[in-house]
C-alpha atoms as a PDB file:
ATOM      1  CA  UNK A   1      -9.729  -7.164   3.013  1.00  0.00           C
ATOM      2  CA  UNK A   2      -7.228  -9.792   1.851  1.00  0.00           C
ATOM      3  CA  UNK A   3      -6.629  -9.920  -1.921  1.00  0.00           C
ATOM      4  CA  UNK A   4      -5.698 -12.972  -4.028  1.00  0.00           C
ATOM      5  CA  UNK A   5      -3.711 -11.171  -6.773  1.00  0.00           C
ATOM      6  CA  UNK A   6      -0.224 -11.340  -5.243  1.00  0.00           C
ATOM      7  CA  UNK A   7       1.790 -13.303  -2.679  1.00  0.00           C
ATOM      8  CA  UNK A   8       0.396 -10.954  -0.025  1.00  0.00           C
ATOM      9  CA  UNK A   9      -2.237  -8.337  -0.802  1.00  0.00           C
ATOM     10  CA  UNK A  10      -4.721  -6.217   1.118  1.00  0.00           C
ATOM     11  CA  UNK A  11      -7.243  -3.523   0.332  1.00  0.00           C
ATOM     12  CA  UNK A  12      -7.831  -0.758   2.860  1.00  0.00           C
ATOM     13  CA  UNK A  13     -10.264   2.129   2.702  1.00  0.00           C
ATOM     14  CA  UNK A  14      -8.709   5.525   3.360  1.00  0.00           C
ATOM     15  CA  UNK A  15     -12.236   6.909   3.061  1.00  0.00           C
ATOM     16  CA  UNK A  16     -15.458   5.253   1.897  1.00  0.00           C
ATOM     17  CA  UNK A  17     -14.788   6.472  -1.662  1.00  0.00           C
ATOM     18  CA  UNK A  18     -11.021   5.771  -1.769  1.00  0.00           C
ATOM     19  CA  UNK A  19      -9.896   2.122  -1.731  1.00  0.00           C
ATOM     20  CA  UNK A  20      -6.139   1.464  -1.673  1.00  0.00           C
ATOM     21  CA  UNK A  21      -4.555  -1.859  -2.628  1.00  0.00           C
ATOM     22  CA  UNK A  22      -1.211  -2.965  -1.218  1.00  0.00           C
ATOM     23  CA  UNK A  23       0.309  -5.850  -3.219  1.00  0.00           C
ATOM     24  CA  UNK A  24       3.582  -7.682  -2.532  1.00  0.00           C
ATOM     25  CA  UNK A  25       5.365 -10.380  -4.520  1.00  0.00           C
ATOM     26  CA  UNK A  26       8.249 -12.301  -2.961  1.00  0.00           C
ATOM     27  CA  UNK A  27      11.466 -12.448  -4.929  1.00  0.00           C
ATOM     28  CA  UNK A  28      12.931 -15.583  -6.490  1.00  0.00           C
ATOM     29  CA  UNK A  29      15.898 -16.541  -8.681  1.00  0.00           C
ATOM     30  CA  UNK A  30      14.404 -14.758 -11.681  1.00  0.00           C
ATOM     31  CA  UNK A  31      12.756 -11.631 -10.219  1.00  0.00           C
ATOM     32  CA  UNK A  32      13.432  -9.406  -7.179  1.00  0.00           C
ATOM     33  CA  UNK A  33      10.738  -8.786  -4.563  1.00  0.00           C
ATOM     34  CA  UNK A  34       8.256  -6.120  -5.614  1.00  0.00           C
ATOM     35  CA  UNK A  35       5.515  -4.121  -3.920  1.00  0.00           C
ATOM     36  CA  UNK A  36       2.824  -1.868  -5.361  1.00  0.00           C
ATOM     37  CA  UNK A  37       0.411   0.607  -3.787  1.00  0.00           C
ATOM     38  CA  UNK A  38      -2.588   1.118  -6.065  1.00  0.00           C
ATOM     39  CA  UNK A  39      -5.249   3.806  -5.825  1.00  0.00           C
ATOM     40  CA  UNK A  40      -8.543   3.883  -7.694  1.00  0.00           C
ATOM     41  CA  UNK A  41      -8.273   5.965 -10.868  1.00  0.00           C
ATOM     42  CA  UNK A  42     -10.864   8.398  -9.474  1.00  0.00           C
ATOM     43  CA  UNK A  43      -9.114   8.982  -6.141  1.00  0.00           C
ATOM     44  CA  UNK A  44      -7.924  12.435  -7.137  1.00  0.00           C
ATOM     45  CA  UNK A  45     -11.545  13.406  -7.821  1.00  0.00           C
ATOM     46  CA  UNK A  46     -11.961  13.363  -4.016  1.00  0.00           C
ATOM     47  CA  UNK A  47      -8.488  14.315  -2.717  1.00  0.00           C
ATOM     48  CA  UNK A  48      -5.585  16.461  -3.888  1.00  0.00           C
ATOM     49  CA  UNK A  49      -2.884  14.540  -5.777  1.00  0.00           C
ATOM     50  CA  UNK A  50      -0.300  15.510  -3.153  1.00  0.00           C
ATOM     51  CA  UNK A  51      -2.360  13.692  -0.500  1.00  0.00           C
ATOM     52  CA  UNK A  52      -1.847  10.299  -2.155  1.00  0.00           C
ATOM     53  CA  UNK A  53       1.605   9.645  -0.651  1.00  0.00           C
ATOM     54  CA  UNK A  54       0.708  10.484   2.983  1.00  0.00           C
ATOM     55  CA  UNK A  55      -2.454   8.372   2.736  1.00  0.00           C
ATOM     56  CA  UNK A  56      -0.448   5.432   1.349  1.00  0.00           C
ATOM     57  CA  UNK A  57       2.139   5.885   4.114  1.00  0.00           C
ATOM     58  CA  UNK A  58      -0.513   5.682   6.844  1.00  0.00           C
ATOM     59  CA  UNK A  59      -1.999   2.570   5.232  1.00  0.00           C
ATOM     60  CA  UNK A  60       1.425   0.946   4.988  1.00  0.00           C
ATOM     61  CA  UNK A  61       2.055   1.712   8.675  1.00  0.00           C
ATOM     62  CA  UNK A  62      -1.219  -0.031   9.589  1.00  0.00           C
ATOM     63  CA  UNK A  63      -0.288  -3.143   7.596  1.00  0.00           C
ATOM     64  CA  UNK A  64       3.242  -3.261   9.027  1.00  0.00           C
ATOM     65  CA  UNK A  65       1.944  -2.926  12.607  1.00  0.00           C
ATOM     66  CA  UNK A  66      -0.674  -5.631  12.017  1.00  0.00           C
ATOM     67  CA  UNK A  67       2.036  -7.936  10.637  1.00  0.00           C
ATOM     68  CA  UNK A  68       4.294  -7.248  13.621  1.00  0.00           C
ATOM     69  CA  UNK A  69       7.360  -6.396  11.518  1.00  0.00           C
ATOM     70  CA  UNK A  70       9.669  -3.393  11.373  1.00  0.00           C
ATOM     71  CA  UNK A  71       9.293  -0.910   8.551  1.00  0.00           C
ATOM     72  CA  UNK A  72      12.358   0.177   6.582  1.00  0.00           C
ATOM     73  CA  UNK A  73      11.711   3.917   6.618  1.00  0.00           C
ATOM     74  CA  UNK A  74      14.435   4.616   4.048  1.00  0.00           C
ATOM     75  CA  UNK A  75      12.342   2.910   1.359  1.00  0.00           C
ATOM     76  CA  UNK A  76       9.102   4.863   1.945  1.00  0.00           C
ATOM     77  CA  UNK A  77       9.096   8.180   3.816  1.00  0.00           C
ATOM     78  CA  UNK A  78       6.886   8.888   6.801  1.00  0.00           C
ATOM     79  CA  UNK A  79       4.630  11.923   6.867  1.00  0.00           C
END
Protein backbone atom coordinates (compact mmCIF):
# COMPACT_ATOMS: atom_id res chain seq x y z
CA UNK A 1 0.00 0.00 0.00
CA UNK A 2 1.42 3.40 -0.99
CA UNK A 3 1.74 5.92 1.86
CA UNK A 4 1.49 9.73 1.64
CA UNK A 5 3.82 10.61 4.56
CA UNK A 6 7.12 10.86 2.68
CA UNK A 7 8.50 11.40 -0.83
CA UNK A 8 8.11 7.65 -1.38
CA UNK A 9 6.46 5.38 1.18
CA UNK A 10 4.93 1.91 1.26
CA UNK A 11 3.42 -0.38 3.85
CA UNK A 12 3.92 -4.12 3.51
CA UNK A 13 2.58 -6.90 5.69
CA UNK A 14 5.22 -9.36 6.87
CA UNK A 15 2.34 -11.27 8.48
CA UNK A 16 -1.30 -10.30 8.97
CA UNK A 17 -0.45 -8.88 12.42
CA UNK A 18 2.86 -7.18 11.50
CA UNK A 19 2.70 -4.14 9.18
CA UNK A 20 6.02 -2.57 8.15
CA UNK A 21 6.35 0.95 6.75
CA UNK A 22 9.20 1.93 4.44
CA UNK A 23 9.56 5.72 4.14
CA UNK A 24 12.07 7.65 2.00
CA UNK A 25 12.74 11.38 1.75
CA UNK A 26 14.90 12.74 -1.07
CA UNK A 27 17.77 14.98 -0.09
CA UNK A 28 18.02 18.68 -0.88
CA UNK A 29 20.38 21.59 -0.16
CA UNK A 30 19.42 21.60 3.51
CA UNK A 31 18.99 17.91 4.41
CA UNK A 32 20.52 14.64 3.15
CA UNK A 33 18.33 11.81 1.84
CA UNK A 34 16.83 9.71 4.62
CA UNK A 35 15.01 6.40 4.86
CA UNK A 36 13.15 4.78 7.74
CA UNK A 37 11.79 1.28 8.30
CA UNK A 38 9.02 1.36 10.90
CA UNK A 39 7.42 -1.58 12.69
CA UNK A 40 4.25 -1.50 14.76
CA UNK A 41 5.04 -1.08 18.46
CA UNK A 42 3.48 -4.49 19.16
CA UNK A 43 5.50 -6.40 16.54
CA UNK A 44 7.72 -8.02 19.14
CA UNK A 45 4.60 -9.41 20.83
CA UNK A 46 4.39 -11.78 17.83
CA UNK A 47 8.05 -12.23 16.78
CA UNK A 48 11.43 -12.27 18.49
CA UNK A 49 13.24 -8.90 18.46
CA UNK A 50 16.13 -10.42 16.50
CA UNK A 51 13.72 -11.26 13.66
CA UNK A 52 12.98 -7.59 12.94
CA UNK A 53 16.09 -6.98 10.81
CA UNK A 54 15.72 -10.04 8.52
CA UNK A 55 12.02 -9.26 8.01
CA UNK A 56 12.86 -5.64 7.11
CA UNK A 57 15.59 -6.86 4.74
CA UNK A 58 13.16 -9.12 2.86
CA UNK A 59 10.64 -6.28 2.59
CA UNK A 60 13.31 -3.91 1.30
CA UNK A 61 14.35 -6.49 -1.31
CA UNK A 62 10.73 -6.71 -2.52
CA UNK A 63 10.47 -2.92 -2.87
CA UNK A 64 13.82 -2.64 -4.65
CA UNK A 65 12.90 -5.41 -7.12
CA UNK A 66 9.50 -3.82 -7.78
CA UNK A 67 11.21 -0.47 -8.44
CA UNK A 68 13.72 -2.09 -10.80
CA UNK A 69 16.78 -0.56 -9.12
CA UNK A 70 19.95 -2.03 -7.64
CA UNK A 71 20.28 -2.31 -3.89
CA UNK A 72 23.42 -1.03 -2.17
CA UNK A 73 24.07 -4.04 0.06
CA UNK A 74 26.73 -2.22 2.08
CA UNK A 75 24.05 0.04 3.59
CA UNK A 76 21.69 -2.73 4.77
CA UNK A 77 22.88 -6.32 5.18
CA UNK A 78 21.19 -9.29 3.55
CA UNK A 79 20.09 -12.26 5.61
